[in-house]
Amino acid sequence: MARKVVQNFNVEYLQVMDKNGYVDEKLMPKLSGKQIKELYELMILARTFDDKAFSLQRQGRIGTYLQFKGQEASQVGSAYALEEQDWLFPMYRSSAALITRKQPMHMILQYYGGDERGLKAPPNLNNFPIILCVGTQIPIAAGCAWASKLKNEKVVSMVYFGDGASSKADFHEGLNFAGVYNAPCIFMCENNQYAISVPRKKQTAAQTIAQKAIAYNMNKIQVDGNDVFAVYKATKEAVANARAGKGPALIEALTYRVADHSTSDDAKRYRPDDEVKSWLKKDPILRLEKYMRAKKLLDDSYKKQAAQKAKEKVEKEVEAYENIEEPDPEDIFKYTFKEMTPELKEQLEELK
């Protein structure tokens, strides 16, 4: 008879840059000044797009919209670590990741404007359609990663989801599948502290989301999600390991949803203003600007130029969105199945 410890587990936390822009040079990932500026400009572009999309919704020019403001570092930093051939599986709040992956902004607006043609990625962009159902993209990403492995491709899949999705069956099924088949899949949990109105501490008893990977024998790490360098470093390492056949990984990015859950939500009803204000001090863009100023990578002139460039890009994409040709109503019937059923053919004739 015996009573002994079979296995011990731990969860590593990574922060490279603190809220004041100070960096631990020993942890700093290999990024050139040009790349750091690219990260900054992508984050500025993403926020400019997010603010504009919110404005468009309030003007009735798109439908319900879900902002990602405050989560730019977790999305841009992670998507930036992927290679062109890799697959990205977004959730409904992943517009910054899609922008990083060159998804045309007018197509994102097209989708939120109610036209599902906006979900189709242009040729040579391995971006999966935006998923609205919580967590359902997770097992799909795991399956795609397994397919890449079966085809002997050096291709990684990365899937985004929130902390609330980690309590869904889809999450556990996806991680279990990836763990069993050693699929090259990166599970990116943006822990923004709320599953709509339910705070993280009320929807899971786990101290971290990252520790949920232990049950599936996969790599795991918790990072400061408002630190673009930490997110990039953790994702880059996870992607390299997955590509080399060293298995999937779960990354928990600790961040915060600054805006409401959606444009039909009022977060003031369930979270205190002091909490929001405390997180605003950890803003990922302000933090990066402090670092870049110290390194002589940013001054007032460059900051203004980057903001103006982003504004011009976004306005151009808005114009493109609002000049898209109206969809053909017949598509409702023609693209439901590969071949129209007799019932659909009959309904189409009635429409005509």
Protein backbone atom coordinates (compact mmCIF):
# COMPACT_ATOMS: atom_id res chain seq x y z
CA MET A 1 0.00 0.00 0.00
CA ALA A 2 1.25 3.49 -0.70
CA ARG A 3 0.26 7.12 -0.68
CA LYS A 4 2.51 9.29 -2.82
CA VAL A 5 2.61 12.26 -5.16
CA VAL A 6 2.28 11.02 -8.73
CA GLN A 7 2.73 14.36 -10.46
CA ASN A 8 3.13 18.04 -9.56
CA PHE A 9 1.90 20.85 -11.76
CA ASN A 10 2.57 24.56 -12.03
CA VAL A 11 1.45 27.45 -14.20
CA GLU A 12 4.03 29.93 -15.46
CA TYR A 13 3.18 33.64 -15.71
CA LEU A 14 4.97 35.89 -18.19
CA GLN A 15 5.28 39.67 -18.24
CA VAL A 16 8.01 41.37 -20.26
CA MET A 17 6.84 44.99 -20.06
CA ASP A 18 5.07 46.54 -17.06
CA LYS A 19 2.37 49.21 -17.16
CA ASN A 20 5.02 51.96 -17.09
CA GLY A 21 6.75 50.65 -20.21
CA TYR A 22 9.76 49.19 -18.40
CA VAL A 23 11.09 46.00 -19.99
CA ASP A 24 13.09 43.09 -18.62
CA GLU A 25 15.70 42.86 -21.39
CA LYS A 26 16.43 39.22 -20.48
CA LEU A 27 12.85 38.32 -21.40
CA MET A 28 12.50 40.65 -24.40
CA PRO A 29 11.71 38.73 -27.62
CA LYS A 30 13.83 39.31 -30.71
CA LEU A 31 12.06 42.21 -32.43
CA SER A 32 13.68 44.89 -34.55
CA GLY A 33 12.75 48.54 -34.25
CA LYS A 34 10.85 48.19 -37.51
CA GLN A 35 8.83 45.26 -36.15
CA ILE A 36 8.01 47.12 -32.93
CA LYS A 37 6.72 50.01 -35.03
CA GLU A 38 4.66 47.55 -37.09
CA LEU A 39 3.10 46.20 -33.90
CA TYR A 40 2.34 49.71 -32.71
CA GLU A 41 0.81 50.78 -36.02
CA LEU A 42 -1.32 47.64 -36.14
CA MET A 43 -2.60 48.34 -32.63
CA ILE A 44 -3.39 51.95 -33.55
CA LEU A 45 -5.12 50.81 -36.74
CA ALA A 46 -7.15 48.24 -34.81
CA ARG A 47 -8.31 50.75 -32.20
CA THR A 48 -9.16 53.32 -34.86
CA PHE A 49 -11.24 50.68 -36.63
CA ASP A 50 -12.94 49.68 -33.37
CA ASP A 51 -13.88 53.27 -32.53
CA LYS A 52 -15.19 53.83 -36.06
CA ALA A 53 -17.22 50.62 -36.06
CA PHE A 54 -18.84 51.65 -32.77
CA SER A 55 -19.71 55.01 -34.30
CA LEU A 56 -21.16 53.34 -37.41
CA GLN A 57 -23.37 51.13 -35.23
CA ARG A 58 -24.70 54.12 -33.33
CA GLN A 59 -25.52 55.77 -36.66
CA GLY A 60 -27.37 52.68 -37.89
CA ARG A 61 -24.82 51.97 -40.62
CA ILE A 62 -23.95 48.48 -39.27
CA GLY A 63 -25.78 46.14 -36.92
CA THR A 64 -24.83 45.04 -33.41
CA TYR A 65 -21.08 45.31 -32.92
CA LEU A 66 -18.72 43.79 -30.34
CA GLN A 67 -15.78 46.00 -29.40
CA PHE A 68 -12.31 44.72 -28.52
CA LYS A 69 -10.95 48.00 -27.12
CA GLY A 70 -8.24 47.27 -24.54
CA GLN A 71 -7.48 43.86 -26.03
CA GLU A 72 -5.27 45.04 -28.91
CA ALA A 73 -2.06 43.60 -27.45
CA SER A 74 -3.49 40.12 -26.89
CA GLN A 75 -4.78 39.92 -30.47
CA VAL A 76 -2.14 41.79 -32.46
CA GLY A 77 0.76 40.29 -30.50
CA SER A 78 -0.49 36.73 -30.99
CA ALA A 79 -1.58 36.98 -34.63
CA TYR A 80 1.74 38.66 -35.48
CA ALA A 81 3.52 35.47 -34.35
CA LEU A 82 1.82 33.35 -37.03
CA GLU A 83 3.17 32.64 -40.50
CA GLU A 84 1.22 33.17 -43.69
CA GLN A 85 0.30 29.51 -44.17
CA ASP A 86 -1.11 29.14 -40.63
CA TRP A 87 -4.83 29.11 -39.89
CA LEU A 88 -6.64 31.63 -37.70
CA PHE A 89 -10.01 30.86 -36.11
CA PRO A 90 -11.63 34.04 -34.76
CA MET A 91 -14.45 34.61 -32.33
CA TYR A 92 -16.83 37.55 -32.57
CA ARG A 93 -14.39 39.89 -30.78
CA SER A 94 -11.31 39.04 -32.87
CA SER A 95 -11.33 41.90 -35.37
CA ALA A 96 -7.86 43.10 -34.29
CA ALA A 97 -6.42 39.64 -34.98
CA LEU A 98 -8.14 39.55 -38.37
CA ILE A 99 -6.77 43.00 -39.24
CA THR A 100 -3.29 41.78 -38.31
CA ARG A 101 -3.85 38.84 -40.64
CA LYS A 102 -4.72 41.25 -43.49
CA GLN A 103 -8.46 40.55 -43.54
CA PRO A 104 -9.90 43.58 -45.41
CA MET A 105 -11.61 45.87 -42.91
CA HIS A 106 -14.49 46.57 -45.28
CA MET A 107 -15.32 42.85 -45.22
CA ILE A 108 -15.46 42.85 -41.41
CA LEU A 109 -17.86 45.80 -41.61
CA GLN A 110 -19.77 43.98 -44.35
CA TYR A 111 -20.38 41.09 -41.98
CA TYR A 112 -21.47 43.35 -39.11
CA GLY A 113 -23.68 45.14 -41.62
CA GLY A 114 -25.63 41.90 -42.06
CA ASP A 115 -24.01 40.65 -45.27
CA GLU A 116 -22.43 37.24 -44.71
CA ARG A 117 -20.29 37.57 -47.82
CA GLY A 118 -17.98 39.51 -45.54
CA LEU A 119 -17.06 36.25 -43.81
CA LYS A 120 -15.25 34.87 -46.84
CA ALA A 121 -11.51 35.44 -46.63
CA PRO A 122 -9.77 36.60 -49.82
CA PRO A 123 -7.63 34.01 -51.67
CA ASN A 124 -4.41 32.99 -49.90
CA LEU A 125 -5.64 34.21 -46.50
CA ASN A 126 -6.18 31.29 -44.13
CA ASN A 127 -8.72 33.10 -41.94
CA PHE A 128 -11.76 31.12 -40.90
CA PRO A 129 -15.14 32.93 -40.73
CA ILE A 130 -16.10 34.80 -37.56
CA ILE A 131 -17.95 32.52 -35.14
CA LEU A 132 -20.78 33.95 -33.02
CA CYS A 133 -21.70 30.81 -31.05
CA VAL A 134 -19.51 30.73 -27.94
CA GLY A 135 -16.72 28.15 -28.15
CA THR A 136 -17.84 26.25 -31.26
CA GLN A 137 -14.72 27.32 -33.17
CA ILE A 138 -12.45 25.49 -30.71
CA PRO A 139 -12.98 21.86 -31.83
CA ILE A 140 -13.00 23.02 -35.47
CA ALA A 141 -9.54 24.52 -35.02
CA ALA A 142 -8.31 21.32 -33.37
CA GLY A 143 -9.64 19.31 -36.32
CA CYS A 144 -7.94 21.61 -38.81
CA ALA A 145 -4.65 21.24 -36.94
CA TRP A 146 -4.99 17.45 -36.96
CA ALA A 147 -5.65 17.55 -40.72
CA SER A 148 -2.44 19.55 -41.20
CA LYS A 149 -0.56 16.92 -39.22
CA LEU A 150 -2.03 14.06 -41.29
CA LYS A 151 -0.96 15.87 -44.46
CA ASN A 152 2.57 16.35 -43.08
CA GLU A 153 2.22 20.12 -43.40
CA LYS A 154 4.14 22.48 -41.12
CA VAL A 155 0.97 24.46 -40.50
CA VAL A 156 -0.37 25.64 -37.16
CA SER A 157 -3.95 26.56 -36.23
CA MET A 158 -4.69 29.25 -33.65
CA VAL A 159 -8.12 29.78 -32.16
CA TYR A 160 -9.42 32.71 -30.10
CA PHE A 161 -12.03 32.56 -27.35
CA GLY A 162 -12.92 34.25 -24.07
CA ASP A 163 -12.77 33.05 -20.48
CA GLY A 164 -16.46 32.15 -20.55
CA ALA A 165 -15.88 29.70 -23.40
CA SER A 166 -13.51 27.69 -21.19
CA SER A 167 -16.58 26.50 -19.30
CA LYS A 168 -18.21 25.14 -22.45
CA ALA A 169 -18.06 21.51 -23.55
CA ASP A 170 -16.60 22.60 -26.91
CA PHE A 171 -13.48 23.86 -25.08
CA HIS A 172 -12.83 20.56 -23.31
CA GLU A 173 -13.60 18.47 -26.37
CA GLY A 174 -11.28 20.58 -28.52
CA LEU A 175 -8.40 20.48 -26.05
CA ASN A 176 -8.83 16.78 -25.39
CA PHE A 177 -8.82 16.03 -29.12
CA ALA A 178 -5.71 18.16 -29.72
CA GLY A 179 -3.96 16.58 -26.75
CA VAL A 180 -4.72 13.01 -27.79
CA TYR A 181 -3.61 13.55 -31.40
CA ASN A 182 -0.76 15.95 -30.59
CA ALA A 183 -2.30 18.41 -33.04
CA PRO A 184 -0.41 21.66 -33.79
CA CYS A 185 -3.07 23.93 -32.33
CA ILE A 186 -2.69 27.07 -30.20
CA PHE A 187 -5.66 27.83 -27.94
CA MET A 188 -5.66 31.59 -27.24
CA CYS A 189 -7.92 32.45 -24.32
CA GLU A 190 -8.41 36.18 -23.93
CA ASN A 191 -9.38 36.33 -20.29
CA ASN A 192 -11.04 39.76 -20.31
CA GLN A 193 -12.56 39.10 -16.87
CA TYR A 194 -16.20 38.83 -17.98
CA ALA A 195 -18.45 36.33 -19.76
CA ILE A 196 -21.00 38.98 -20.74
CA SER A 197 -22.12 40.08 -17.23
CA VAL A 198 -20.65 37.14 -15.30
CA PRO A 199 -17.22 37.84 -13.75
CA ARG A 200 -14.56 35.18 -14.22
CA LYS A 201 -14.51 34.24 -10.54
CA LYS A 202 -18.20 33.26 -10.73
CA GLN A 203 -18.05 31.12 -13.87
CA THR A 204 -15.10 28.87 -12.96
CA ALA A 205 -13.52 27.76 -9.67
CA ALA A 206 -10.11 27.39 -11.33
CA GLN A 207 -7.51 29.92 -10.16
CA THR A 208 -6.32 30.25 -13.76
CA ILE A 209 -7.69 29.32 -17.17
CA ALA A 210 -4.22 28.11 -18.16
CA GLN A 211 -4.30 25.27 -15.63
CA LYS A 212 -7.15 23.66 -17.54
CA ALA A 213 -4.55 22.49 -20.06
CA ILE A 214 -3.05 20.15 -17.44
CA ALA A 215 -5.90 17.67 -17.86
CA TYR A 216 -5.01 17.33 -21.54
CA ASN A 217 -1.24 17.08 -21.09
CA MET A 218 -0.48 20.14 -23.19
CA ASN A 219 1.79 23.16 -22.84
CA LYS A 220 0.27 26.08 -20.99
CA ILE A 221 1.16 29.61 -19.88
CA GLN A 222 -0.54 32.68 -18.46
CA VAL A 223 0.65 36.03 -19.80
CA ASP A 224 0.00 39.71 -19.23
CA GLY A 225 -2.43 40.21 -22.10
CA ASN A 226 -1.87 43.98 -22.15
CA ASP A 227 1.85 43.45 -22.75
CA VAL A 228 2.30 42.99 -26.49
CA PHE A 229 5.85 41.69 -26.04
CA ALA A 230 4.81 38.99 -23.56
CA VAL A 231 1.93 37.89 -25.78
CA TYR A 232 4.16 37.77 -28.86
CA LYS A 233 6.94 35.89 -27.04
CA ALA A 234 4.61 33.26 -25.56
CA THR A 235 2.78 32.75 -28.85
CA LYS A 236 5.97 32.62 -30.91
CA GLU A 237 7.36 29.89 -28.66
CA ALA A 238 4.08 27.95 -28.67
CA VAL A 239 3.82 28.16 -32.47
CA ALA A 240 7.43 26.99 -32.91
CA ASN A 241 6.84 24.02 -30.60
CA ALA A 242 3.60 23.06 -32.34
CA ARG A 243 5.21 23.32 -35.77
CA ALA A 244 8.05 21.09 -34.58
CA GLY A 245 5.62 18.38 -33.42
CA LYS A 246 5.91 19.20 -29.71
CA GLY A 247 2.19 19.48 -29.22
CA PRO A 248 -0.58 22.03 -28.71
CA ALA A 249 -0.66 24.84 -26.16
CA LEU A 250 -3.13 26.87 -24.14
CA ILE A 251 -2.25 30.54 -23.64
CA GLU A 252 -4.25 32.59 -21.16
CA ALA A 253 -3.88 36.30 -21.86
CA LEU A 254 -4.97 38.37 -18.86
CA THR A 255 -6.63 41.46 -20.29
CA TYR A 256 -9.80 43.51 -19.87
CA ARG A 257 -12.90 44.31 -21.88
CA VAL A 258 -12.96 48.11 -21.55
CA ALA A 259 -16.20 48.58 -23.51
CA ASP A 260 -19.59 46.93 -23.05
CA HIS A 261 -20.01 43.30 -24.06
CA SER A 262 -21.73 44.54 -27.20
CA THR A 263 -23.52 47.63 -28.46
CA SER A 264 -26.73 46.20 -26.95
CA ASP A 265 -25.19 45.84 -23.47
CA ASP A 266 -24.75 48.26 -20.54
CA ALA A 267 -21.76 47.13 -18.46
CA LYS A 268 -22.37 49.86 -15.85
CA ARG A 269 -25.16 47.68 -14.50
CA TYR A 270 -22.78 44.93 -13.38
CA ARG A 271 -19.26 46.32 -12.91
CA PRO A 272 -17.96 49.31 -10.91
CA ASP A 273 -16.40 52.38 -12.54
CA ASP A 274 -13.33 52.09 -10.29
CA GLU A 275 -12.56 48.69 -11.80
CA VAL A 276 -12.68 50.05 -15.33
CA LYS A 277 -10.53 53.05 -14.38
CA SER A 278 -7.89 50.80 -12.82
CA TRP A 279 -7.61 48.80 -16.03
CA LEU A 280 -7.44 51.92 -18.18
CA LYS A 281 -4.12 52.66 -16.46
CA LYS A 282 -2.86 49.37 -17.93
CA ASP A 283 -3.86 50.33 -21.48
CA PRO A 284 -1.74 48.25 -23.92
CA ILE A 285 -1.18 51.11 -26.39
CA LEU A 286 -0.15 53.67 -23.77
CA ARG A 287 2.23 51.12 -22.27
CA LEU A 288 3.89 50.46 -25.62
CA GLU A 289 4.16 54.19 -26.32
CA LYS A 290 6.04 54.71 -23.04
CA TYR A 291 8.51 52.00 -23.99
CA MET A 292 8.95 53.34 -27.53
CA ARG A 293 9.56 56.89 -26.31
CA ALA A 294 12.28 55.65 -23.98
CA LYS A 295 13.89 53.77 -26.89
CA LYS A 296 13.58 56.78 -29.26
CA LEU A 297 11.20 54.82 -31.49
CA LEU A 298 8.31 57.25 -30.99
CA ASP A 299 7.90 61.00 -30.75
CA ASP A 300 4.90 63.33 -31.08
CA SER A 301 5.38 63.69 -34.83
CA TYR A 302 5.46 59.92 -35.48
CA LYS A 303 2.51 59.34 -33.15
CA LYS A 304 0.42 61.91 -35.01
CA GLN A 305 1.47 60.47 -38.36
CA ALA A 306 0.54 56.92 -37.31
CA ALA A 307 -2.87 58.09 -36.08
CA GLN A 308 -3.57 59.99 -39.29
CA LYS A 309 -2.47 57.06 -41.46
CA ALA A 310 -4.77 54.72 -39.52
CA LYS A 311 -7.71 57.11 -39.82
CA GLU A 312 -7.26 57.42 -43.58
CA LYS A 313 -7.08 53.63 -44.00
CA VAL A 314 -10.22 53.07 -41.96
CA GLU A 315 -12.21 55.79 -43.75
CA LYS A 316 -11.21 54.30 -47.09
CA GLU A 317 -12.45 50.88 -45.93
CA VAL A 318 -15.73 52.38 -44.70
CA GLU A 319 -16.26 53.90 -48.13
CA ALA A 320 -15.55 50.55 -49.76
CA TYR A 321 -18.04 48.84 -47.42
CA GLU A 322 -20.80 51.32 -48.19
CA ASN A 323 -20.30 50.90 -51.93
CA ILE A 324 -20.55 47.11 -51.98
CA GLU A 325 -23.14 45.83 -54.42
CA GLU A 326 -26.29 44.54 -52.75
CA PRO A 327 -26.45 40.74 -52.39
CA ASP A 328 -28.65 38.70 -54.72
CA PRO A 329 -31.72 37.38 -52.79
CA GLU A 330 -31.46 34.16 -54.82
CA ASP A 331 -28.25 33.33 -52.92
CA ILE A 332 -30.44 32.38 -49.94
CA PHE A 333 -31.56 29.32 -51.92
CA LYS A 334 -28.52 28.64 -54.09
CA TYR A 335 -25.96 28.44 -51.29
CA THR A 336 -27.83 26.63 -48.54
CA PHE A 337 -26.61 23.26 -49.88
CA LYS A 338 -24.13 22.25 -52.57
CA GLU A 339 -27.14 21.38 -54.74
CA MET A 340 -30.59 22.85 -54.24
CA THR A 341 -33.21 20.50 -52.84
CA PRO A 342 -36.61 20.23 -54.60
CA GLU A 343 -38.12 22.34 -51.80
CA LEU A 344 -35.55 25.10 -52.29
CA LYS A 345 -36.08 25.06 -56.05
CA GLU A 346 -39.79 25.46 -55.50
CA GLN A 347 -39.25 28.36 -53.08
CA LEU A 348 -36.88 30.02 -55.53
CA GLU A 349 -39.51 29.87 -58.25
CA GLU A 350 -42.02 31.46 -55.88
CA LEU A 351 -39.55 34.28 -55.23
CA LYS A 352 -39.11 34.87 -58.93
